[in-house]
C-alpha cells in the first residue's frame, strides 16, 4: 500500500471539518471534491484510490451508521419510482455478470483492457475479476444517486447541495486557469498537489499548438469539460432570478461567461461541442424576450447556427474517423452493436465491453433487461421536469436549470462515452431526481 500524503491530508481536513462543524457532512464534502478525480489518497497493489471514492465510502458508512443508530432507514418516498428503477438497473447489472460464465470461451470479444482498441483483437470471453471491478464502479455510481436523493430532499437541502458542487467546480475552473498562469509566467506548475494519475501528473499537458490543455484537478481535459457543461444551466437560470440564490446574480453572470470561455480553452472536442450546445440553449432561452423582428432575426440566426453545428459535427466525425481516436471510437460502437445483436437479453455482462457512447454501452453491457429500465428512468425524469415547468410556479427556474443540466449530461455521455466509473455523472442524475422529487408542501421560498 502506498500513501499519497497530499490526498490523505485532504481526507484528514475533511474529518476535522465534519467533527468541528455539525452542519458539514461527509456527503457535502464528497460533492465538493467530485471534480478531484485525479487526486489519489492511497494505492492498493498499484491501483489508485482517488479522493471522491474515499469520501463516497465515508458518506455511505455514515449513512449506514446513522440508520442503524436510529433504527430507521432514511428513504425519499417522493422518489420511490426513480429509486425503484435505479435498484432494478443495479440488479440487472449484477445479473448480467452471469454471462461470462455462461459463454465461458465460446464467443470472441474485442479485448478492451490489455491493449489500445486500435490494435486490439478478439479473444474468447471468460469470467474475469476485471468485470467485477467494473460492476463495483457501476454499483457505487447507483449508490451515489441514492445518497444524493435521500440526503437532499427539500429545496433548502438542494441549494446546499448546489452550493458545495458549484464551489468545487469554481475551484476546478480556478486551478485550470492557474495552469495557464504558470505557463505564461514560466512558473513550475505544482501538479503534485492535486494531479497524481491524470494527464498533467508530470506537469502541464501541452497540445500540438504549443498551449496547455486545461486539465485542472481532473483526469483529463475532456473530464474537465464533462463536469463543467451540465452545471452551466444553473448559472444561467439563477442569474435570471435577479436575487441572491446561493451567490449573487452578477457572480453567476461572470461565472457563466468564464465557464463558456474555459470550454474552448480546455482544447478538447467535448469542450467545443459543449460550447456550441450551451450557446444554442442561450439563444433558445432568450429569443422570446425580443420584438417580432428581432425574434425573426434570431430564429434565422439560430437555424443557421444549428446547421453550422451539424456541419461542424460531420467534419469532426470525418476528421476523427481518420485518426487514432476516431477509429477507436467507431470500432467500439460497431463491435458493440454486433455483440448486442448476438446477446440481446443480458448483454455480455457489465464492464466486459465499454464503448465510446452511452446507448450502445448500455445495450452491449446490460442487454435489454438493464438498458430498457435505464431508458424508462430517463424518460420518467424528463416527463416530470416538463410537467413541473408547465405549472409555472415560483420554482420554475430551478426546474428549467435541472432539466437542461440533465439533458446536457446525457448528451455529453452519448458523445464522449458513459463515464460510469466517475461519480460526477451520477451526481447530476441524483440532482435531477432530487429536484423533481420535492413535493408541494416542501417547496420553500428562498429568502
Protein backbone atom coordinates (compact mmCIF):
# COMPACT_ATOMS: atom_id res chain seq x y z
CA UNK A 1 0.00 0.00 0.00
CA UNK A 2 1.31 3.42 -1.00
CA UNK A 3 0.01 6.58 0.67
CA UNK A 4 -0.28 9.89 -1.12
CA UNK A 5 0.19 12.50 1.57
CA UNK A 6 -1.44 15.31 -0.42
CA UNK A 7 -4.63 13.30 -0.84
CA UNK A 8 -4.51 11.96 2.71
CA UNK A 9 -4.16 15.49 4.08
CA UNK A 10 -7.42 16.45 2.33
CA UNK A 11 -9.13 13.45 3.94
CA UNK A 12 -7.82 14.45 7.37
CA UNK A 13 -9.02 18.02 6.82
CA UNK A 14 -12.43 16.66 5.82
CA UNK A 15 -12.66 14.59 9.01
CA UNK A 16 -11.74 17.62 11.13
CA UNK A 17 -14.40 19.76 9.39
CA UNK A 18 -17.09 17.13 9.97
CA UNK A 19 -16.13 16.79 13.65
CA UNK A 20 -15.93 20.53 14.37
CA UNK A 21 -18.83 21.81 12.26
CA UNK A 22 -22.04 19.87 12.79
CA UNK A 23 -23.66 21.24 9.63
CA UNK A 24 -20.92 19.83 7.42
CA UNK A 25 -21.28 16.16 6.47
CA UNK A 26 -19.12 13.75 4.52
CA UNK A 27 -21.71 13.74 1.73
CA UNK A 28 -21.30 17.52 1.41
CA UNK A 29 -17.54 17.23 1.11
CA UNK A 30 -17.93 14.33 -1.33
CA UNK A 31 -19.98 16.65 -3.55
CA UNK A 32 -17.43 19.47 -3.21
CA UNK A 33 -14.47 17.26 -4.14
CA UNK A 34 -16.28 15.49 -7.01
CA UNK A 35 -14.08 17.20 -9.67
CA UNK A 36 -10.89 15.97 -7.94
CA UNK A 37 -10.84 12.59 -9.67
CA UNK A 38 -7.10 12.85 -10.35
CA UNK A 39 -6.25 13.24 -6.65
CA UNK A 40 -5.32 9.92 -5.05
CA UNK A 41 -5.30 9.03 -1.37
CA UNK A 42 -3.77 5.55 -1.45
CA UNK A 43 -2.70 2.93 -3.98
CA UNK A 44 -3.58 -0.69 -3.29
CA UNK A 45 -1.40 -3.14 -5.23
CA UNK A 46 -0.74 -0.41 -7.77
CA UNK A 47 -4.44 0.51 -8.12
CA UNK A 48 -5.04 4.18 -7.17
CA UNK A 49 -7.99 5.08 -4.95
CA UNK A 50 -8.98 8.68 -5.61
CA UNK A 51 -10.32 11.32 -3.24
CA UNK A 52 -14.01 11.27 -4.34
CA UNK A 53 -14.15 7.48 -3.94
CA UNK A 54 -12.80 7.62 -0.37
CA UNK A 55 -15.27 10.38 0.55
CA UNK A 56 -18.08 8.33 -1.01
CA UNK A 57 -17.14 5.42 1.28
CA UNK A 58 -17.14 7.76 4.28
CA UNK A 59 -20.56 9.11 3.22
CA UNK A 60 -22.05 5.66 2.76
CA UNK A 61 -20.67 4.37 6.06
CA UNK A 62 -22.07 7.49 7.78
CA UNK A 63 -25.49 6.84 6.23
CA UNK A 64 -25.49 3.20 7.37
CA UNK A 65 -24.25 4.08 10.86
CA UNK A 66 -26.89 6.77 11.35
CA UNK A 67 -29.62 4.47 10.03
CA UNK A 68 -28.59 1.68 12.42
CA UNK A 69 -28.28 4.10 15.32
CA UNK A 70 -31.80 5.46 14.74
CA UNK A 71 -33.20 2.02 13.79
CA UNK A 72 -34.65 3.67 10.71
CA UNK A 73 -33.53 3.68 7.08
CA UNK A 74 -33.84 7.13 5.56
CA UNK A 75 -35.70 6.97 2.25
CA UNK A 76 -37.13 9.59 -0.09
CA UNK A 77 -40.74 8.49 -0.65
CA UNK A 78 -41.26 11.14 -3.32
CA UNK A 79 -38.53 9.48 -5.40
CA UNK A 80 -39.67 5.88 -4.92
CA UNK A 81 -40.32 5.29 -8.65
CA UNK A 82 -36.91 6.63 -9.71
CA UNK A 83 -35.09 4.79 -6.93
CA UNK A 84 -37.02 1.62 -7.67
CA UNK A 85 -35.91 1.75 -11.31
CA UNK A 86 -32.37 2.55 -10.19
CA UNK A 87 -32.13 -0.52 -7.95
CA UNK A 88 -33.64 -2.71 -10.65
CA UNK A 89 -30.91 -1.48 -13.02
CA UNK A 90 -28.26 -2.34 -10.42
CA UNK A 91 -29.82 -5.79 -10.02
CA UNK A 92 -29.76 -6.26 -13.80
CA UNK A 93 -26.07 -5.30 -13.82
CA UNK A 94 -25.33 -7.93 -11.17
CA UNK A 95 -27.40 -10.50 -13.07
CA UNK A 96 -25.53 -9.73 -16.30
CA UNK A 97 -22.28 -10.92 -14.69
CA UNK A 98 -23.55 -14.45 -15.25
CA UNK A 99 -22.95 -14.05 -18.99
CA UNK A 100 -19.15 -14.55 -18.96
CA UNK A 101 -19.75 -17.80 -17.04
CA UNK A 102 -22.46 -18.87 -19.50
CA UNK A 103 -20.35 -18.01 -22.56
CA UNK A 104 -17.17 -19.42 -20.98
CA UNK A 105 -14.91 -19.05 -24.02
CA UNK A 106 -17.47 -19.94 -26.71
CA UNK A 107 -17.62 -16.37 -28.05
CA UNK A 108 -14.87 -13.92 -29.03
CA UNK A 109 -14.89 -10.33 -27.77
CA UNK A 110 -12.55 -7.45 -28.56
CA UNK A 111 -10.02 -7.09 -25.73
CA UNK A 112 -10.70 -3.60 -24.28
CA UNK A 113 -8.31 -3.71 -21.34
CA UNK A 114 -4.95 -5.21 -22.30
CA UNK A 115 -4.16 -3.05 -25.33
CA UNK A 116 -5.31 0.03 -27.22
CA UNK A 117 -8.60 -0.54 -29.02
CA UNK A 118 -6.85 0.42 -32.27
CA UNK A 119 -4.61 -2.65 -32.00
CA UNK A 120 -6.95 -4.91 -30.02
CA UNK A 121 -8.07 -8.28 -31.31
CA UNK A 122 -10.99 -10.50 -30.38
CA UNK A 123 -10.28 -13.12 -27.73
CA UNK A 124 -12.51 -15.77 -26.09
CA UNK A 125 -14.67 -14.37 -23.29
CA UNK A 126 -14.11 -15.97 -19.88
CA UNK A 127 -15.00 -14.86 -16.33
CA UNK A 128 -12.52 -12.26 -15.10
CA UNK A 129 -12.05 -10.15 -11.97
CA UNK A 130 -11.97 -7.10 -14.25
CA UNK A 131 -15.71 -7.43 -14.91
CA UNK A 132 -16.40 -7.50 -11.16
CA UNK A 133 -14.29 -4.36 -10.70
CA UNK A 134 -16.30 -2.52 -13.36
CA UNK A 135 -19.53 -3.75 -11.78
CA UNK A 136 -18.43 -2.31 -8.43
CA UNK A 137 -17.85 1.09 -10.08
CA UNK A 138 -21.37 0.92 -11.51
CA UNK A 139 -22.90 -0.03 -8.15
CA UNK A 140 -21.01 2.79 -6.44
CA UNK A 141 -22.48 5.14 -9.06
CA UNK A 142 -26.00 3.92 -8.34
CA UNK A 143 -25.46 4.27 -4.60
CA UNK A 144 -24.17 7.81 -5.22
CA UNK A 145 -27.55 8.68 -6.74
CA UNK A 146 -29.28 7.08 -3.74
CA UNK A 147 -27.18 9.06 -1.24
CA UNK A 148 -27.84 12.32 -3.07
CA UNK A 149 -31.60 11.72 -3.23
CA UNK A 150 -32.01 10.69 0.43
CA UNK A 151 -29.75 13.44 1.82
CA UNK A 152 -31.06 16.37 -0.23
CA UNK A 153 -34.85 16.13 -0.18
CA UNK A 154 -36.04 19.71 0.30
CA UNK A 155 -35.42 22.86 -1.68
CA UNK A 156 -33.15 24.20 1.05
CA UNK A 157 -31.10 21.00 1.01
CA UNK A 158 -30.89 21.03 -2.78
CA UNK A 159 -29.47 24.54 -2.66
CA UNK A 160 -26.98 23.29 -0.09
CA UNK A 161 -26.02 20.50 -2.49
CA UNK A 162 -25.61 23.00 -5.33
CA UNK A 163 -23.56 25.32 -3.10
CA UNK A 164 -20.98 22.60 -2.48
CA UNK A 165 -20.97 21.39 -6.08
CA UNK A 166 -20.67 24.89 -7.57
CA UNK A 167 -17.92 25.77 -5.06
CA UNK A 168 -15.94 22.67 -6.04
CA UNK A 169 -16.37 23.48 -9.74
CA UNK A 170 -15.31 27.08 -9.13
CA UNK A 171 -12.06 25.76 -7.67
CA UNK A 172 -11.70 23.41 -10.64
CA UNK A 173 -12.03 26.38 -13.03
CA UNK A 174 -9.63 28.48 -10.95
CA UNK A 175 -7.00 25.73 -10.91
CA UNK A 176 -7.42 25.26 -14.65
CA UNK A 177 -6.70 28.93 -15.28
CA UNK A 178 -3.83 28.67 -12.81
CA UNK A 179 -2.28 26.17 -15.24
CA UNK A 180 -2.30 28.87 -17.89
CA UNK A 181 -0.89 31.42 -15.44
CA UNK A 182 2.02 29.09 -14.69
CA UNK A 183 2.57 28.52 -18.42
CA UNK A 184 2.73 32.21 -19.39
CA UNK A 185 4.62 33.19 -16.22
CA UNK A 186 7.18 30.42 -16.77
CA UNK A 187 6.44 29.02 -13.27
CA UNK A 188 6.68 25.33 -12.49
CA UNK A 189 3.12 24.03 -12.28
CA UNK A 190 2.64 22.28 -8.88
CA UNK A 191 0.92 19.23 -10.38
CA UNK A 192 1.90 17.05 -7.41
CA UNK A 193 -0.69 18.73 -5.16
CA UNK A 194 -3.84 17.52 -6.96
CA UNK A 195 -2.90 15.67 -10.15
CA UNK A 196 -1.49 12.25 -9.33
CA UNK A 197 -2.97 9.99 -12.02
CA UNK A 198 -4.26 12.43 -14.66
CA UNK A 199 -2.80 13.74 -17.88
CA UNK A 200 -0.98 16.55 -16.02
CA UNK A 201 0.62 14.24 -13.46
CA UNK A 202 4.08 15.08 -14.81
CA UNK A 203 3.46 18.76 -15.44
CA UNK A 204 1.45 20.83 -17.91
CA UNK A 205 -0.09 18.91 -20.80
CA UNK A 206 0.94 20.84 -23.89
CA UNK A 207 -1.21 20.45 -27.01
CA UNK A 208 0.16 20.35 -30.56
CA UNK A 209 -0.46 24.11 -30.91
CA UNK A 210 2.04 24.82 -28.13
CA UNK A 211 -0.51 25.83 -25.49
CA UNK A 212 -1.53 23.77 -22.43
CA UNK A 213 -4.79 21.86 -22.30
CA UNK A 214 -6.94 22.73 -19.30
CA UNK A 215 -6.92 19.62 -17.11
CA UNK A 216 -7.05 21.18 -13.64
CA UNK A 217 -7.81 18.68 -10.83
CA UNK A 218 -9.47 16.19 -13.21
CA UNK A 219 -8.06 13.20 -15.05
CA UNK A 220 -8.04 14.87 -18.45
CA UNK A 221 -9.36 17.87 -20.39
CA UNK A 222 -12.49 16.02 -21.57
CA UNK A 223 -13.38 15.21 -17.93
CA UNK A 224 -12.95 18.91 -17.11
CA UNK A 225 -15.47 19.74 -19.85
CA UNK A 226 -17.87 16.94 -18.89
CA UNK A 227 -18.06 18.21 -15.31
CA UNK A 228 -18.42 21.85 -16.32
CA UNK A 229 -21.01 21.63 -19.11
CA UNK A 230 -24.03 20.35 -17.08
CA UNK A 231 -23.62 22.94 -14.29
CA UNK A 232 -23.88 25.97 -16.61
CA UNK A 233 -27.73 25.96 -16.79
CA UNK A 234 -27.80 26.63 -13.04
CA UNK A 235 -25.50 29.62 -13.58
CA UNK A 236 -27.81 30.97 -16.28
CA UNK A 237 -31.19 30.46 -14.61
CA UNK A 238 -30.04 31.55 -11.14
CA UNK A 239 -28.73 34.73 -12.74
CA UNK A 240 -32.12 35.37 -14.36
CA UNK A 241 -33.86 35.47 -10.95
CA UNK A 242 -32.23 38.84 -10.12
CA UNK A 243 -31.82 37.86 -6.47
CA UNK A 244 -29.28 36.03 -4.41
CA UNK A 245 -29.61 32.26 -4.75
CA UNK A 246 -26.54 30.88 -3.02
CA UNK A 247 -24.47 33.55 -4.85
CA UNK A 248 -25.36 36.89 -6.43
CA UNK A 249 -26.74 37.22 -9.99
CA UNK A 250 -23.69 39.23 -11.09
CA UNK A 251 -21.42 36.46 -9.83
CA UNK A 252 -23.38 33.84 -11.82
CA UNK A 253 -23.13 36.03 -14.92
CA UNK A 254 -19.34 36.21 -14.65
CA UNK A 255 -19.13 32.51 -13.83
CA UNK A 256 -21.27 31.66 -16.87
CA UNK A 257 -19.02 33.66 -19.19
CA UNK A 258 -15.81 32.25 -17.69
CA UNK A 259 -17.20 28.71 -17.97
CA UNK A 260 -18.02 29.14 -21.67
CA UNK A 261 -14.53 30.51 -22.36
CA UNK A 262 -12.95 27.70 -20.33
CA UNK A 263 -14.63 25.07 -22.50
CA UNK A 264 -12.80 26.47 -25.53
CA UNK A 265 -9.51 26.96 -23.67
CA UNK A 266 -9.62 23.34 -22.48
CA UNK A 267 -8.80 22.25 -26.06
CA UNK A 268 -10.96 19.14 -26.21
CA UNK A 269 -13.69 18.16 -28.68
CA UNK A 270 -16.08 17.66 -25.74
CA UNK A 271 -15.48 21.25 -24.66
CA UNK A 272 -16.07 22.62 -28.17
CA UNK A 273 -19.31 20.68 -28.59
CA UNK A 274 -20.37 21.73 -25.08
CA UNK A 275 -19.73 25.36 -26.01
CA UNK A 276 -21.98 25.01 -29.06
CA UNK A 277 -24.76 23.32 -27.05
CA UNK A 278 -24.67 26.00 -24.34
CA UNK A 279 -24.79 28.82 -26.92
CA UNK A 280 -27.73 27.05 -28.56
CA UNK A 281 -29.57 26.88 -25.22
CA UNK A 282 -28.77 30.55 -24.60
CA UNK A 283 -30.36 31.56 -27.89
CA UNK A 284 -33.40 29.35 -27.24
CA UNK A 285 -33.95 30.78 -23.76
CA UNK A 286 -33.65 34.44 -24.74
CA UNK A 287 -35.45 34.57 -28.07
CA UNK A 288 -38.90 35.30 -26.53
CA UNK A 289 -37.63 38.45 -24.81
CA UNK A 290 -37.34 40.46 -28.02
CA UNK A 291 -39.66 42.07 -30.56
CA UNK A 292 -41.05 40.09 -33.51
CA UNK A 293 -38.43 41.45 -35.92
CA UNK A 294 -35.59 40.61 -33.55
CA UNK A 295 -37.15 37.20 -32.91
CA UNK A 296 -37.26 36.54 -36.64
CA UNK A 297 -33.62 37.55 -36.98
CA UNK A 298 -32.62 35.37 -34.01
CA UNK A 299 -34.70 32.49 -35.35
CA UNK A 300 -32.90 32.66 -38.69
CA UNK A 301 -29.60 33.01 -36.87
CA UNK A 302 -30.45 30.01 -34.69
CA UNK A 303 -31.33 27.88 -37.74
CA UNK A 304 -28.03 28.85 -39.38
CA UNK A 305 -26.31 28.16 -36.08
CA UNK A 306 -27.85 24.68 -35.89
CA UNK A 307 -26.83 23.94 -39.47
CA UNK A 308 -23.32 25.12 -38.60
CA UNK A 309 -23.26 22.77 -35.62
CA UNK A 310 -24.38 19.92 -37.89
CA UNK A 311 -21.66 20.70 -40.46
CA UNK A 312 -19.01 21.06 -37.77
CA UNK A 313 -20.17 17.79 -36.23
CA UNK A 314 -19.90 15.99 -39.56
CA UNK A 315 -16.44 17.47 -40.15
CA UNK A 316 -15.39 16.47 -36.64
CA UNK A 317 -16.64 12.92 -37.17
CA UNK A 318 -14.87 12.70 -40.53
CA UNK A 319 -11.65 14.04 -39.04
CA UNK A 320 -11.81 11.66 -36.10
CA UNK A 321 -12.65 8.75 -38.36
CA UNK A 322 -9.25 9.18 -39.99
CA UNK A 323 -7.18 9.37 -36.82
CA UNK A 324 -6.30 7.07 -33.94
CA UNK A 325 -9.01 8.36 -31.56
CA UNK A 326 -11.77 8.34 -34.17
CA UNK A 327 -11.05 4.80 -35.34
CA UNK A 328 -11.09 3.59 -31.72
CA UNK A 329 -14.48 5.21 -31.10
CA UNK A 330 -16.00 3.86 -34.30
CA UNK A 331 -14.55 0.41 -33.66
CA UNK A 332 -16.08 0.08 -30.18
CA UNK A 333 -19.53 1.19 -31.37
CA UNK A 334 -19.65 -1.11 -34.41
CA UNK A 335 -18.40 -4.10 -32.42
CA UNK A 336 -20.80 -3.17 -29.61
CA UNK A 337 -23.80 -3.32 -31.95
CA UNK A 338 -22.64 -6.72 -33.21
CA UNK A 339 -22.26 -8.10 -29.68
CA UNK A 340 -25.68 -6.78 -28.62
CA UNK A 341 -27.38 -8.41 -31.61
CA UNK A 342 -25.77 -11.72 -30.66
CA UNK A 343 -26.57 -11.40 -26.91
CA UNK A 344 -29.58 -9.03 -26.58
CA UNK A 345 -31.10 -10.18 -23.27
CA UNK A 346 -28.34 -9.61 -20.67
CA UNK A 347 -25.61 -8.38 -22.99
CA UNK A 348 -22.08 -9.64 -22.49
CA UNK A 349 -22.05 -8.75 -18.80
CA UNK A 350 -21.46 -5.31 -17.34
CA UNK A 351 -17.95 -3.96 -17.90
CA UNK A 352 -16.96 -6.55 -20.49
CA UNK A 353 -17.04 -4.16 -23.43
CA UNK A 354 -17.34 -0.40 -22.71
CA UNK A 355 -17.97 1.69 -25.82
CA UNK A 356 -17.35 5.37 -26.53
CA UNK A 357 -21.02 6.31 -26.24
CA UNK A 358 -23.95 5.94 -23.85
CA UNK A 359 -26.76 3.99 -25.53
CA UNK A 360 -24.75 1.19 -27.18
CA UNK A 361 -22.73 0.93 -23.97
CA UNK A 362 -25.91 0.17 -22.03
CA UNK A 363 -27.19 -2.32 -24.59
CA UNK A 364 -23.99 -4.34 -25.01
CA UNK A 365 -23.18 -4.46 -21.30
CA UNK A 366 -26.64 -4.73 -19.72
CA UNK A 367 -28.77 -6.06 -22.56
CA UNK A 368 -32.47 -5.29 -22.84
CA UNK A 369 -33.06 -6.28 -19.21
CA UNK A 370 -30.88 -3.44 -17.92
CA UNK A 371 -30.95 -0.90 -20.75
CA UNK A 372 -34.75 -0.61 -21.04
CA UNK A 373 -35.27 0.30 -17.33
CA UNK A 374 -32.45 2.85 -17.66
CA UNK A 375 -34.22 4.43 -20.65
CA UNK A 376 -37.52 4.38 -18.73
CA UNK A 377 -35.78 6.15 -15.83
CA UNK A 378 -34.51 8.84 -18.22
CA UNK A 379 -37.97 9.30 -19.77
CA UNK A 380 -39.57 9.43 -16.31
CA UNK A 381 -37.21 12.19 -15.16
CA UNK A 382 -37.70 14.15 -18.37
CA UNK A 383 -41.52 13.98 -18.32
CA UNK A 384 -41.64 15.04 -14.66
CA UNK A 385 -39.46 18.05 -15.42
CA UNK A 386 -41.71 19.05 -18.34
CA UNK A 387 -44.81 18.71 -16.14
CA UNK A 388 -43.29 20.81 -13.34
CA UNK A 389 -42.18 23.54 -15.75
CA UNK A 390 -45.75 23.78 -17.10
CA UNK A 391 -47.03 24.50 -13.58
CA UNK A 392 -45.35 27.92 -13.90
CA UNK A 393 -44.77 28.44 -10.17
CA UNK A 394 -42.02 30.20 -8.25
CA UNK A 395 -39.73 27.18 -8.65
CA UNK A 396 -39.83 27.20 -12.45
CA UNK A 397 -36.26 28.49 -12.74
CA UNK A 398 -34.76 25.55 -10.85
CA UNK A 399 -36.86 23.10 -12.87
CA UNK A 400 -35.57 24.64 -16.10
CA UNK A 401 -31.99 24.54 -14.85
CA UNK A 402 -32.40 20.95 -13.69
CA UNK A 403 -33.89 19.81 -16.99
CA UNK A 404 -31.19 21.45 -19.12
CA UNK A 405 -28.47 20.09 -16.84
CA UNK A 406 -29.97 16.61 -17.07
CA UNK A 407 -30.17 16.74 -20.87
CA UNK A 408 -26.61 18.05 -21.14
CA UNK A 409 -25.07 15.27 -19.02
CA UNK A 410 -26.87 12.69 -21.18
CA UNK A 411 -25.79 14.40 -24.39
CA UNK A 412 -22.19 14.67 -23.19
CA UNK A 413 -22.23 10.99 -22.21
CA UNK A 414 -23.57 9.98 -25.62
CA UNK A 415 -20.85 11.92 -27.43
CA UNK A 416 -17.91 11.32 -25.09
CA UNK A 417 -18.73 7.99 -23.51
CA UNK A 418 -20.57 6.71 -20.43
CA UNK A 419 -18.14 7.56 -17.61
CA UNK A 420 -19.87 5.28 -15.10
CA UNK A 421 -16.69 4.88 -13.04
CA UNK A 422 -16.52 8.62 -12.21
CA UNK A 423 -19.16 9.78 -9.78
CA UNK A 424 -19.88 13.15 -11.39
CA UNK A 425 -22.26 11.56 -13.93
CA UNK A 426 -24.24 10.05 -11.06
CA UNK A 427 -24.16 13.31 -9.08
CA UNK A 428 -26.02 15.07 -11.90
CA UNK A 429 -28.54 12.23 -12.17
CA UNK A 430 -29.07 12.45 -8.40
CA UNK A 431 -29.57 16.22 -8.62
CA UNK A 432 -32.22 15.77 -11.32
CA UNK A 433 -34.12 13.18 -9.27
CA UNK A 434 -33.89 15.33 -6.12
CA UNK A 435 -35.26 18.40 -7.90
CA UNK A 436 -38.28 16.59 -9.37
CA UNK A 437 -38.97 14.82 -6.08
CA UNK A 438 -39.55 17.55 -3.51
CA UNK A 439 -43.32 17.76 -3.10
CA UNK A 440 -45.51 20.89 -2.95
CA UNK A 441 -45.52 21.01 0.83
CA UNK A 442 -41.71 21.04 0.83
CA UNK A 443 -41.34 23.92 -1.59
CA UNK A 444 -39.83 26.67 0.50
CA UNK A 445 -39.43 30.19 -0.77
CA UNK A 446 -35.77 31.22 -0.79
CA UNK A 447 -35.07 34.32 1.17
